[in-house]
Amino acid sequence: MNGGLPATEPGTEAEPARPGPGPGGTGPGGTGPVPDAGGAGAARARAMAARLTAGWPLRRTFGVGVVIVSLFAIAAIVLGGVALANLASARDRVVNKIDPAAFRTSQL
């Protein structure tokens, strides 16, 4: 016998009594420890794993969507700026070089 201690499996420890809502302070109704030893932790871990494998939470989905839309918007702004710079360069070439040459050619 082990001196009045509850028998446990090798490698496990007995959980100490936690105060509960009962009059004895040890569990429901004061009859012993709260029955929340290892089962609740394992159930919580299984629920968390199921939630993670089921899909992304809504907040993360919206966050990733906002980041992707922002990246596309920044890329569009940069490409638009490059296109406007090229347009200004082409317009300057037409106004200052090609038009005067075409005008003088037509005068000949």
N, C-alpha and C. Protein backbone atom coordinates (compact mmCIF):
# COMPACT_ATOMS: atom_id res chain seq x y z
N MET A 1 0.84 -1.17 0.00
CA MET A 1 0.00 0.00 0.00
C MET A 1 0.88 1.24 0.00
N ASN A 2 0.31 2.36 -0.41
CA ASN A 2 1.12 3.56 -0.57
C ASN A 2 0.79 4.62 0.46
N GLY A 3 0.34 4.26 1.61
CA GLY A 3 0.14 5.21 2.70
C GLY A 3 -1.08 6.09 2.52
N GLY A 4 -2.13 5.62 1.85
CA GLY A 4 -3.35 6.39 1.73
C GLY A 4 -3.40 7.31 0.53
N LEU A 5 -2.34 7.33 -0.27
CA LEU A 5 -2.36 8.16 -1.47
C LEU A 5 -3.08 7.41 -2.58
N PRO A 6 -3.76 8.13 -3.48
CA PRO A 6 -4.45 7.45 -4.56
C PRO A 6 -3.45 6.82 -5.52
N ALA A 7 -3.82 5.69 -6.07
CA ALA A 7 -2.95 4.99 -7.00
C ALA A 7 -2.93 5.73 -8.33
N THR A 8 -1.73 5.92 -8.89
CA THR A 8 -1.60 6.58 -10.19
C THR A 8 -0.76 5.70 -11.08
N GLU A 9 -0.84 5.95 -12.36
CA GLU A 9 -0.03 5.21 -13.30
C GLU A 9 1.39 5.72 -13.22
N PRO A 10 2.37 4.90 -13.57
CA PRO A 10 3.76 5.37 -13.54
C PRO A 10 3.94 6.51 -14.53
N GLY A 11 4.66 7.53 -14.10
CA GLY A 11 4.93 8.68 -14.95
C GLY A 11 3.88 9.76 -14.87
N THR A 12 2.81 9.55 -14.11
CA THR A 12 1.79 10.58 -13.96
C THR A 12 1.74 11.00 -12.52
N GLU A 13 1.24 12.19 -12.29
CA GLU A 13 1.11 12.68 -10.93
C GLU A 13 -0.35 12.92 -10.63
N ALA A 14 -0.70 12.76 -9.37
CA ALA A 14 -2.07 13.05 -8.97
C ALA A 14 -2.27 14.55 -8.93
N GLU A 15 -3.38 15.02 -9.43
CA GLU A 15 -3.66 16.45 -9.45
C GLU A 15 -4.17 16.87 -8.08
N PRO A 16 -3.64 17.97 -7.53
CA PRO A 16 -4.12 18.42 -6.22
C PRO A 16 -5.53 18.98 -6.34
N ALA A 17 -6.21 18.95 -5.22
CA ALA A 17 -7.59 19.47 -5.19
C ALA A 17 -7.57 20.97 -5.38
N ARG A 18 -8.48 21.45 -6.23
CA ARG A 18 -8.60 22.89 -6.47
C ARG A 18 -9.88 23.39 -5.83
N PRO A 19 -9.85 24.61 -5.36
CA PRO A 19 -11.08 25.15 -4.78
C PRO A 19 -12.15 25.27 -5.84
N GLY A 20 -13.36 24.93 -5.48
CA GLY A 20 -14.46 25.00 -6.41
C GLY A 20 -15.64 25.70 -5.77
N PRO A 21 -16.77 25.66 -6.41
CA PRO A 21 -17.92 26.41 -5.93
C PRO A 21 -18.65 25.75 -4.76
N GLY A 22 -18.30 24.54 -4.41
CA GLY A 22 -19.03 23.84 -3.36
C GLY A 22 -18.73 24.35 -1.96
N PRO A 23 -19.49 23.94 -0.95
CA PRO A 23 -19.28 24.41 0.41
C PRO A 23 -17.98 23.91 1.00
N GLY A 24 -17.49 22.75 0.57
CA GLY A 24 -16.25 22.23 1.11
C GLY A 24 -15.04 22.89 0.49
N GLY A 25 -15.21 23.57 -0.64
CA GLY A 25 -14.12 24.29 -1.27
C GLY A 25 -13.26 23.42 -2.15
N THR A 26 -13.62 22.16 -2.38
CA THR A 26 -12.76 21.31 -3.20
C THR A 26 -13.38 20.93 -4.52
N GLY A 27 -14.63 21.14 -4.73
CA GLY A 27 -15.24 20.78 -6.00
C GLY A 27 -16.74 21.03 -5.92
N PRO A 28 -17.47 20.60 -6.91
CA PRO A 28 -18.91 20.79 -6.86
C PRO A 28 -19.51 20.02 -5.68
N GLY A 29 -20.10 20.71 -4.81
CA GLY A 29 -20.71 20.08 -3.63
C GLY A 29 -19.72 19.77 -2.54
N GLY A 30 -18.45 20.08 -2.74
CA GLY A 30 -17.46 19.84 -1.70
C GLY A 30 -17.11 18.37 -1.54
N THR A 31 -17.24 17.56 -2.60
CA THR A 31 -17.03 16.13 -2.44
C THR A 31 -15.66 15.68 -2.90
N GLY A 32 -14.86 16.51 -3.50
CA GLY A 32 -13.54 16.08 -3.95
C GLY A 32 -12.97 17.05 -4.96
N PRO A 33 -11.88 16.63 -5.60
CA PRO A 33 -11.24 17.53 -6.56
C PRO A 33 -12.11 17.74 -7.80
N VAL A 34 -11.89 18.86 -8.44
CA VAL A 34 -12.63 19.20 -9.65
C VAL A 34 -12.20 18.23 -10.75
N PRO A 35 -13.12 17.59 -11.44
CA PRO A 35 -12.75 16.59 -12.45
C PRO A 35 -12.31 17.22 -13.76
N ASP A 36 -11.25 18.04 -13.73
CA ASP A 36 -10.76 18.73 -14.92
C ASP A 36 -9.27 18.46 -15.08
N ALA A 37 -8.87 17.23 -14.87
CA ALA A 37 -7.44 16.91 -14.83
C ALA A 37 -6.81 17.00 -16.21
N GLY A 38 -6.77 15.93 -16.98
CA GLY A 38 -6.09 15.95 -18.27
C GLY A 38 -7.03 15.94 -19.44
N GLY A 39 -8.25 15.53 -19.24
CA GLY A 39 -9.21 15.42 -20.33
C GLY A 39 -9.56 16.74 -20.95
N ALA A 40 -9.72 17.77 -20.14
CA ALA A 40 -10.10 19.08 -20.66
C ALA A 40 -8.97 19.69 -21.47
N GLY A 41 -7.74 19.51 -21.02
CA GLY A 41 -6.60 20.04 -21.77
C GLY A 41 -6.45 19.37 -23.11
N ALA A 42 -6.64 18.05 -23.12
CA ALA A 42 -6.55 17.32 -24.39
C ALA A 42 -7.70 17.70 -25.31
N ALA A 43 -8.89 17.88 -24.74
CA ALA A 43 -10.04 18.28 -25.55
C ALA A 43 -9.83 19.68 -26.12
N ARG A 44 -9.26 20.55 -25.32
CA ARG A 44 -8.97 21.91 -25.77
C ARG A 44 -7.95 21.89 -26.91
N ALA A 45 -6.92 21.04 -26.77
CA ALA A 45 -5.90 20.93 -27.82
C ALA A 45 -6.50 20.37 -29.10
N ARG A 46 -7.40 19.37 -28.98
CA ARG A 46 -8.05 18.82 -30.16
C ARG A 46 -8.93 19.86 -30.83
N ALA A 47 -9.64 20.66 -30.02
CA ALA A 47 -10.50 21.69 -30.59
C ALA A 47 -9.67 22.75 -31.31
N MET A 48 -8.53 23.12 -30.73
CA MET A 48 -7.66 24.11 -31.36
C MET A 48 -7.11 23.56 -32.67
N ALA A 49 -6.68 22.30 -32.69
CA ALA A 49 -6.16 21.70 -33.91
C ALA A 49 -7.24 21.62 -34.97
N ALA A 50 -8.46 21.27 -34.58
CA ALA A 50 -9.56 21.20 -35.55
C ALA A 50 -9.87 22.57 -36.11
N ARG A 51 -9.80 23.61 -35.27
CA ARG A 51 -10.08 24.96 -35.74
C ARG A 51 -8.99 25.43 -36.71
N LEU A 52 -7.75 25.06 -36.45
CA LEU A 52 -6.66 25.47 -37.33
C LEU A 52 -6.69 24.73 -38.65
N THR A 53 -7.07 23.45 -38.63
CA THR A 53 -7.11 22.70 -39.88
C THR A 53 -8.38 22.97 -40.66
N ALA A 54 -9.40 23.51 -40.02
CA ALA A 54 -10.66 23.77 -40.71
C ALA A 54 -10.55 24.95 -41.66
N GLY A 55 -9.66 25.88 -41.43
CA GLY A 55 -9.50 27.05 -42.28
C GLY A 55 -9.03 28.24 -41.47
N TRP A 56 -8.78 29.32 -42.16
CA TRP A 56 -8.32 30.52 -41.49
C TRP A 56 -9.47 31.22 -40.80
N PRO A 57 -9.19 31.88 -39.69
CA PRO A 57 -10.22 32.72 -39.07
C PRO A 57 -10.54 33.91 -39.98
N LEU A 58 -11.70 34.48 -39.77
CA LEU A 58 -12.18 35.57 -40.62
C LEU A 58 -11.24 36.78 -40.58
N ARG A 59 -10.73 37.10 -39.41
CA ARG A 59 -9.84 38.26 -39.27
C ARG A 59 -8.57 38.07 -40.09
N ARG A 60 -7.99 36.86 -40.06
CA ARG A 60 -6.78 36.60 -40.83
C ARG A 60 -7.08 36.64 -42.33
N THR A 61 -8.22 36.12 -42.73
CA THR A 61 -8.60 36.14 -44.14
C THR A 61 -8.72 37.57 -44.65
N PHE A 62 -9.40 38.43 -43.88
CA PHE A 62 -9.53 39.83 -44.27
C PHE A 62 -8.18 40.53 -44.25
N GLY A 63 -7.34 40.22 -43.29
CA GLY A 63 -6.01 40.83 -43.22
C GLY A 63 -5.17 40.50 -44.43
N VAL A 64 -5.17 39.23 -44.83
CA VAL A 64 -4.40 38.83 -46.01
C VAL A 64 -4.99 39.48 -47.25
N GLY A 65 -6.31 39.58 -47.33
CA GLY A 65 -6.95 40.24 -48.46
C GLY A 65 -6.56 41.70 -48.56
N VAL A 66 -6.53 42.39 -47.44
CA VAL A 66 -6.13 43.81 -47.43
C VAL A 66 -4.68 43.96 -47.88
N VAL A 67 -3.82 43.08 -47.42
CA VAL A 67 -2.40 43.15 -47.82
C VAL A 67 -2.26 42.93 -49.32
N ILE A 68 -2.97 41.94 -49.87
CA ILE A 68 -2.87 41.66 -51.31
C ILE A 68 -3.41 42.83 -52.13
N VAL A 69 -4.54 43.38 -51.73
CA VAL A 69 -5.11 44.53 -52.46
C VAL A 69 -4.18 45.73 -52.37
N SER A 70 -3.57 45.94 -51.21
CA SER A 70 -2.63 47.05 -51.05
C SER A 70 -1.42 46.89 -51.96
N LEU A 71 -0.90 45.66 -52.05
CA LEU A 71 0.25 45.43 -52.93
C LEU A 71 -0.11 45.70 -54.39
N PHE A 72 -1.29 45.24 -54.81
CA PHE A 72 -1.72 45.52 -56.19
C PHE A 72 -1.91 47.02 -56.42
N ALA A 73 -2.45 47.72 -55.45
CA ALA A 73 -2.64 49.17 -55.59
C ALA A 73 -1.30 49.89 -55.71
N ILE A 74 -0.34 49.50 -54.89
CA ILE A 74 0.99 50.13 -54.96
C ILE A 74 1.64 49.84 -56.30
N ALA A 75 1.51 48.60 -56.78
CA ALA A 75 2.08 48.25 -58.09
C ALA A 75 1.43 49.06 -59.20
N ALA A 76 0.10 49.25 -59.14
CA ALA A 76 -0.60 50.05 -60.15
C ALA A 76 -0.15 51.50 -60.12
N ILE A 77 0.05 52.05 -58.94
CA ILE A 77 0.50 53.44 -58.82
C ILE A 77 1.90 53.60 -59.41
N VAL A 78 2.80 52.66 -59.10
CA VAL A 78 4.17 52.74 -59.62
C VAL A 78 4.16 52.60 -61.15
N LEU A 79 3.42 51.63 -61.67
CA LEU A 79 3.36 51.46 -63.12
C LEU A 79 2.72 52.66 -63.81
N GLY A 80 1.71 53.25 -63.18
CA GLY A 80 1.11 54.47 -63.73
C GLY A 80 2.08 55.63 -63.77
N GLY A 81 2.88 55.78 -62.73
CA GLY A 81 3.90 56.84 -62.71
C GLY A 81 4.95 56.66 -63.79
N VAL A 82 5.38 55.41 -63.97
CA VAL A 82 6.36 55.13 -65.03
C VAL A 82 5.75 55.42 -66.40
N ALA A 83 4.50 55.04 -66.60
CA ALA A 83 3.85 55.30 -67.89
C ALA A 83 3.70 56.80 -68.14
N LEU A 84 3.35 57.56 -67.11
CA LEU A 84 3.24 59.02 -67.29
C LEU A 84 4.59 59.65 -67.60
N ALA A 85 5.65 59.17 -66.98
CA ALA A 85 6.98 59.71 -67.28
C ALA A 85 7.37 59.41 -68.72
N ASN A 86 7.07 58.19 -69.19
CA ASN A 86 7.36 57.85 -70.59
C ASN A 86 6.52 58.69 -71.55
N LEU A 87 5.28 58.94 -71.19
CA LEU A 87 4.40 59.75 -72.04
C LEU A 87 4.92 61.19 -72.14
N ALA A 88 5.36 61.73 -71.03
CA ALA A 88 5.90 63.10 -71.04
C ALA A 88 7.15 63.17 -71.90
N SER A 89 7.98 62.16 -71.81
CA SER A 89 9.20 62.14 -72.63
C SER A 89 8.86 62.05 -74.12
N ALA A 90 7.89 61.20 -74.47
CA ALA A 90 7.50 61.04 -75.87
C ALA A 90 6.85 62.32 -76.39
N ARG A 91 6.02 62.97 -75.57
CA ARG A 91 5.37 64.22 -76.00
C ARG A 91 6.42 65.32 -76.22
N ASP A 92 7.40 65.39 -75.35
CA ASP A 92 8.45 66.39 -75.49
C ASP A 92 9.21 66.16 -76.80
N ARG A 93 9.49 64.93 -77.13
CA ARG A 93 10.18 64.62 -78.38
C ARG A 93 9.35 65.04 -79.60
N VAL A 94 8.06 64.76 -79.55
CA VAL A 94 7.18 65.12 -80.68
C VAL A 94 7.12 66.63 -80.84
N VAL A 95 6.90 67.34 -79.73
CA VAL A 95 6.70 68.80 -79.81
C VAL A 95 7.99 69.52 -80.19
N ASN A 96 9.11 69.11 -79.66
CA ASN A 96 10.35 69.87 -79.86
C ASN A 96 11.20 69.40 -81.04
N LYS A 97 11.02 68.17 -81.54
CA LYS A 97 11.89 67.69 -82.62
C LYS A 97 11.12 67.30 -83.88
N ILE A 98 10.09 66.48 -83.72
CA ILE A 98 9.42 65.95 -84.91
C ILE A 98 8.53 67.00 -85.56
N ASP A 99 7.74 67.74 -84.77
CA ASP A 99 6.86 68.76 -85.36
C ASP A 99 7.64 69.86 -86.09
N PRO A 100 8.69 70.42 -85.50
CA PRO A 100 9.44 71.44 -86.26
C PRO A 100 10.05 70.88 -87.55
N ALA A 101 10.52 69.63 -87.46
CA ALA A 101 11.11 69.03 -88.68
C ALA A 101 10.02 68.80 -89.73
N ALA A 102 8.86 68.36 -89.31
CA ALA A 102 7.77 68.16 -90.27
C ALA A 102 7.31 69.49 -90.84
N PHE A 103 7.27 70.54 -90.03
CA PHE A 103 6.86 71.86 -90.50
C PHE A 103 7.84 72.39 -91.53
N ARG A 104 9.12 72.26 -91.26
CA ARG A 104 10.13 72.76 -92.19
C ARG A 104 10.16 71.94 -93.48
N THR A 105 9.89 70.64 -93.33
CA THR A 105 9.83 69.80 -94.52
C THR A 105 8.66 70.23 -95.42
N SER A 106 7.53 70.54 -94.81
CA SER A 106 6.38 70.96 -95.60
C SER A 106 6.58 72.32 -96.23
N GLN A 107 7.46 73.17 -95.66
CA GLN A 107 7.74 74.48 -96.24
C GLN A 107 8.64 74.37 -97.46
N LEU A 108 9.42 73.32 -97.55
CA LEU A 108 10.32 73.16 -98.70
C LEU A 108 9.49 72.89 -99.88
